[in-house]
Protein backbone atom coordinates (compact mmCIF):
# COMPACT_ATOMS: atom_id res chain seq x y z
CA MET A 1 -15.57 -46.54 4.20
CA ALA A 2 -13.52 -44.98 7.01
CA ILE A 3 -10.63 -44.19 4.64
CA GLN A 4 -13.02 -42.55 2.20
CA THR A 5 -14.55 -40.43 4.99
CA ILE A 6 -11.12 -39.37 6.23
CA THR A 7 -10.05 -38.52 2.67
CA TRP A 8 -13.14 -36.37 2.09
CA MET A 9 -12.77 -34.61 5.45
CA SER A 10 -9.09 -33.95 4.77
CA ALA A 11 -9.90 -32.51 1.36
CA PHE A 12 -12.66 -30.37 2.86
CA LEU A 13 -10.40 -29.04 5.64
CA CYS A 14 -7.65 -28.29 3.15
CA LEU A 15 -10.01 -26.35 0.87
CA ALA A 16 -11.52 -24.51 3.84
CA GLN A 17 -8.03 -23.43 4.90
CA VAL A 18 -7.09 -22.25 1.41
CA PHE A 19 -10.30 -20.29 0.81
CA SER A 20 -10.27 -18.66 4.25
CA MET A 21 -6.81 -17.16 3.77
CA PRO A 22 -6.72 -13.44 2.94
CA MET A 23 -5.86 -12.39 -0.59
CA PRO A 24 -2.18 -11.57 -0.66
CA CYS A 25 -0.97 -8.26 -1.99
CA GLN A 26 -4.36 -6.60 -2.43
CA LEU A 27 -5.39 -3.17 -1.26
CA GLN A 28 -8.87 -3.21 0.19
CA GLY A 29 -11.25 -0.78 -1.48
CA GLN A 30 -13.55 -0.54 1.53
CA LEU A 31 -10.64 0.57 3.73
CA VAL A 32 -9.62 3.22 1.20
CA ARG A 33 -13.23 4.47 1.22
CA THR A 34 -13.24 4.47 5.02
CA THR A 35 -10.02 6.52 5.16
CA HIS A 36 -11.53 9.02 2.72
CA ASN A 37 -14.68 9.35 4.83
CA LEU A 38 -12.75 9.71 8.08
CA LEU A 39 -10.49 12.38 6.61
CA ARG A 40 -13.55 14.20 5.26
CA ASP A 41 -15.43 14.03 8.57
CA MET A 42 -12.61 14.78 10.99
CA GLY A 43 -12.45 18.46 10.12
CA GLY A 44 -15.55 19.57 8.25
CA HIS A 45 -15.51 22.02 5.34
CA PHE A 46 -12.40 23.92 4.32
CA PRO A 47 -12.22 26.86 6.78
CA LEU A 48 -12.77 30.34 5.39
CA GLU A 49 -9.90 31.70 7.48
CA CYS A 50 -7.56 29.37 5.57
CA LEU A 51 -8.51 30.48 2.05
CA GLN A 52 -5.44 32.72 1.78
CA GLU A 53 -3.22 29.76 2.70
CA ASN A 54 -4.71 27.53 0.00
CA VAL A 55 -2.24 26.72 -2.75
CA PHE A 56 -2.54 24.87 -6.03
CA MET A 57 -0.70 21.56 -6.26
CA ALA A 58 -0.62 19.71 -9.56
CA PHE A 59 -2.16 16.31 -9.00
CA PRO A 60 -0.28 13.40 -10.67
CA ALA A 61 -3.27 11.67 -12.28
CA THR A 62 -0.96 9.82 -14.69
CA SER A 63 0.63 8.02 -11.72
CA PHE A 64 -2.65 6.16 -11.27
CA ALA A 65 -3.38 5.36 -14.93
CA THR A 66 -4.44 1.78 -15.54
CA SER A 67 -3.75 1.69 -19.30
CA GLY A 68 -6.83 -0.25 -20.29
CA ASN A 69 -7.77 -3.53 -18.69
CA THR A 70 -4.30 -5.00 -18.66
CA LEU A 71 -3.03 -6.71 -15.55
CA HIS A 72 0.20 -4.73 -15.92
CA GLY A 73 -1.75 -1.45 -15.72
CA HIS A 74 -3.70 -2.56 -12.65
CA PHE A 75 -0.52 -3.61 -10.84
CA GLY A 76 1.06 -0.25 -11.63
CA ALA A 77 -1.99 1.62 -10.35
CA ALA A 78 -2.17 -0.59 -7.24
CA LYS A 79 1.48 0.08 -6.47
CA ALA A 80 0.86 3.83 -6.91
CA ILE A 81 -2.03 3.57 -4.43
CA TYR A 82 0.20 1.65 -2.01
CA GLU A 83 2.93 4.32 -2.31
CA THR A 84 0.29 7.01 -1.78
CA LEU A 85 -0.78 5.36 1.47
CA LYS A 86 2.86 5.18 2.58
CA ASN A 87 3.28 8.89 1.83
CA ILE A 88 0.11 9.72 3.77
CA ASP A 89 1.42 7.68 6.69
CA THR A 90 4.68 9.63 6.57
CA LEU A 91 2.86 12.98 6.54
CA PHE A 92 0.77 11.98 9.55
CA GLY A 93 3.78 10.57 11.40
CA THR A 94 4.52 13.92 13.01
CA ASP A 95 3.62 15.01 16.51
CA GLU A 96 2.38 18.33 15.15
CA LEU A 97 -1.09 17.26 14.03
CA PRO A 98 -4.00 19.69 14.38
CA THR A 99 -5.82 19.49 17.69
CA MET A 100 -8.96 21.05 16.17
CA TRP A 101 -9.73 17.86 14.26
CA ASP A 102 -11.75 15.04 15.78
CA GLN A 103 -8.95 13.14 17.51
CA GLN A 104 -10.77 9.82 17.59
CA LYS A 105 -11.36 9.92 13.83
CA LEU A 106 -7.78 11.04 13.28
CA GLU A 107 -6.44 8.10 15.27
CA TYR A 108 -8.74 5.66 13.45
CA PHE A 109 -7.64 7.16 10.11
CA GLN A 110 -3.96 6.65 11.01
CA ASN A 111 -4.61 3.08 12.13
CA ILE A 112 -6.38 2.15 8.90
CA ILE A 113 -3.64 3.70 6.76
CA TYR A 114 -1.04 1.74 8.75
CA ARG A 115 -3.08 -1.47 8.45
CA GLN A 116 -3.38 -1.10 4.68
CA ILE A 117 0.37 -0.62 4.37
CA GLU A 118 1.17 -3.60 6.58
CA GLU A 119 -1.31 -5.91 4.83
CA SER A 120 -0.04 -4.88 1.40
CA GLU A 121 3.70 -4.85 2.12
CA CYS A 122 4.30 -7.19 -0.81
CA MET A 123 3.27 -4.31 -3.11
CA SER A 124 6.69 -2.79 -2.54
CA SER A 125 8.21 -5.65 -4.54
CA VAL A 126 5.77 -5.35 -7.47
CA ASP A 127 7.78 -4.18 -10.44
CA THR A 128 6.24 -2.65 -13.53
CA SER A 129 8.22 -1.09 -16.34
CA ASP A 130 6.37 2.21 -16.06
CA TYR A 131 6.64 2.54 -12.30
CA PRO A 132 9.63 4.95 -12.24
CA ILE A 133 7.51 7.50 -14.10
CA ARG A 134 4.59 6.96 -11.72
CA ALA A 135 6.89 7.19 -8.71
CA GLU A 136 8.41 10.48 -9.87
CA GLY A 137 4.95 12.09 -10.11
CA LEU A 138 4.04 10.89 -6.62
CA LYS A 139 7.39 11.99 -5.19
CA THR A 140 6.94 15.52 -6.55
CA TYR A 141 3.32 15.73 -5.38
CA PHE A 142 3.97 14.54 -1.84
CA GLY A 143 7.16 16.61 -1.69
CA ASN A 144 5.05 19.69 -2.43
CA ILE A 145 2.53 18.72 0.24
CA ALA A 146 5.29 18.23 2.83
CA ALA A 147 6.86 21.55 1.82
CA VAL A 148 3.58 23.38 2.50
CA LEU A 149 3.43 21.88 5.97
CA LYS A 150 7.03 22.89 6.73
CA GLU A 151 6.75 26.38 5.21
CA LYS A 152 3.67 27.09 7.28
CA ASN A 153 5.15 25.54 10.45
CA PHE A 154 2.55 22.75 10.59
CA SER A 155 -0.19 25.32 11.21
CA TYR A 156 -3.85 24.41 11.31
CA CYS A 157 -4.42 26.02 7.90
CA ALA A 158 -1.48 24.14 6.39
CA TRP A 159 -3.00 20.89 7.63
CA GLU A 160 -6.35 21.90 6.13
CA VAL A 161 -4.63 22.38 2.77
CA VAL A 162 -3.07 18.93 3.17
CA ARG A 163 -6.42 17.43 4.13
CA LYS A 164 -8.04 19.00 1.06
CA GLU A 165 -5.33 17.56 -1.21
CA LEU A 166 -5.50 14.10 0.35
CA LEU A 167 -9.29 14.06 0.10
CA TYR A 168 -8.96 14.79 -3.61
CA THR A 169 -6.33 12.07 -3.94
CA LEU A 170 -8.40 9.41 -2.17
CA GLU A 171 -11.51 10.42 -4.08
CA PHE A 172 -9.59 10.15 -7.35
CA ILE A 173 -8.38 6.68 -6.40
CA LEU A 174 -11.91 5.55 -5.55
CA LYS A 175 -13.40 6.95 -8.76
CA HIS A 176 -10.69 6.15 -11.30
CA THR A 177 -8.69 3.17 -10.03
CA SER A 178 -11.21 1.18 -8.01
CA ASP A 179 -10.65 -1.82 -10.31
CA SER A 180 -7.14 -2.07 -8.85
CA LEU A 181 -8.60 -2.52 -5.36
CA LEU A 182 -10.13 -5.59 -3.70
CA TRP A 183 -13.80 -5.16 -2.88
CA SER A 184 -15.34 -7.79 -0.62
CA ASN A 185 -18.94 -6.96 -1.52
CA ARG A 186 -19.35 -4.10 -3.92
CA THR A 187 -22.48 -2.03 -3.52
């Protein structure tokens, strides 16, 4: 009887340990939504005084394509999301961030982006055959965003243009690639 009890308790503890471990290599949808909301709320509407600074940047929607319900397509989209978060982290890695934004929300935004990257580091090793095409689109897009910041000397209006673009990007991810994200309790 004692051996049977010990066996059952050992099995229970083992299963509890396995099921309590975080899912490896998954981007959390709720955190992506939170970063979108923080970015939206930290600065308000696009300022009228910045309308002349607003530039068109072609968004690389094909970089996030999931090609049906295939696992291959979801991994490719998830890696594109991961690379997008890394690019956002790089953009916000400067000391020349706008002081007119809500600094507490800005700091929280940066922390969540960093957390997502750290928790999903294994995404960097995910290899899909179509990823070079996806990566090229993202590289061009984020290169254009960085160029706007540099050309405009990291001005407030340049950052507002960046914020507008990143809001669109995060919204696109949430609307079109949410199946590639982990959702703890979808509402």
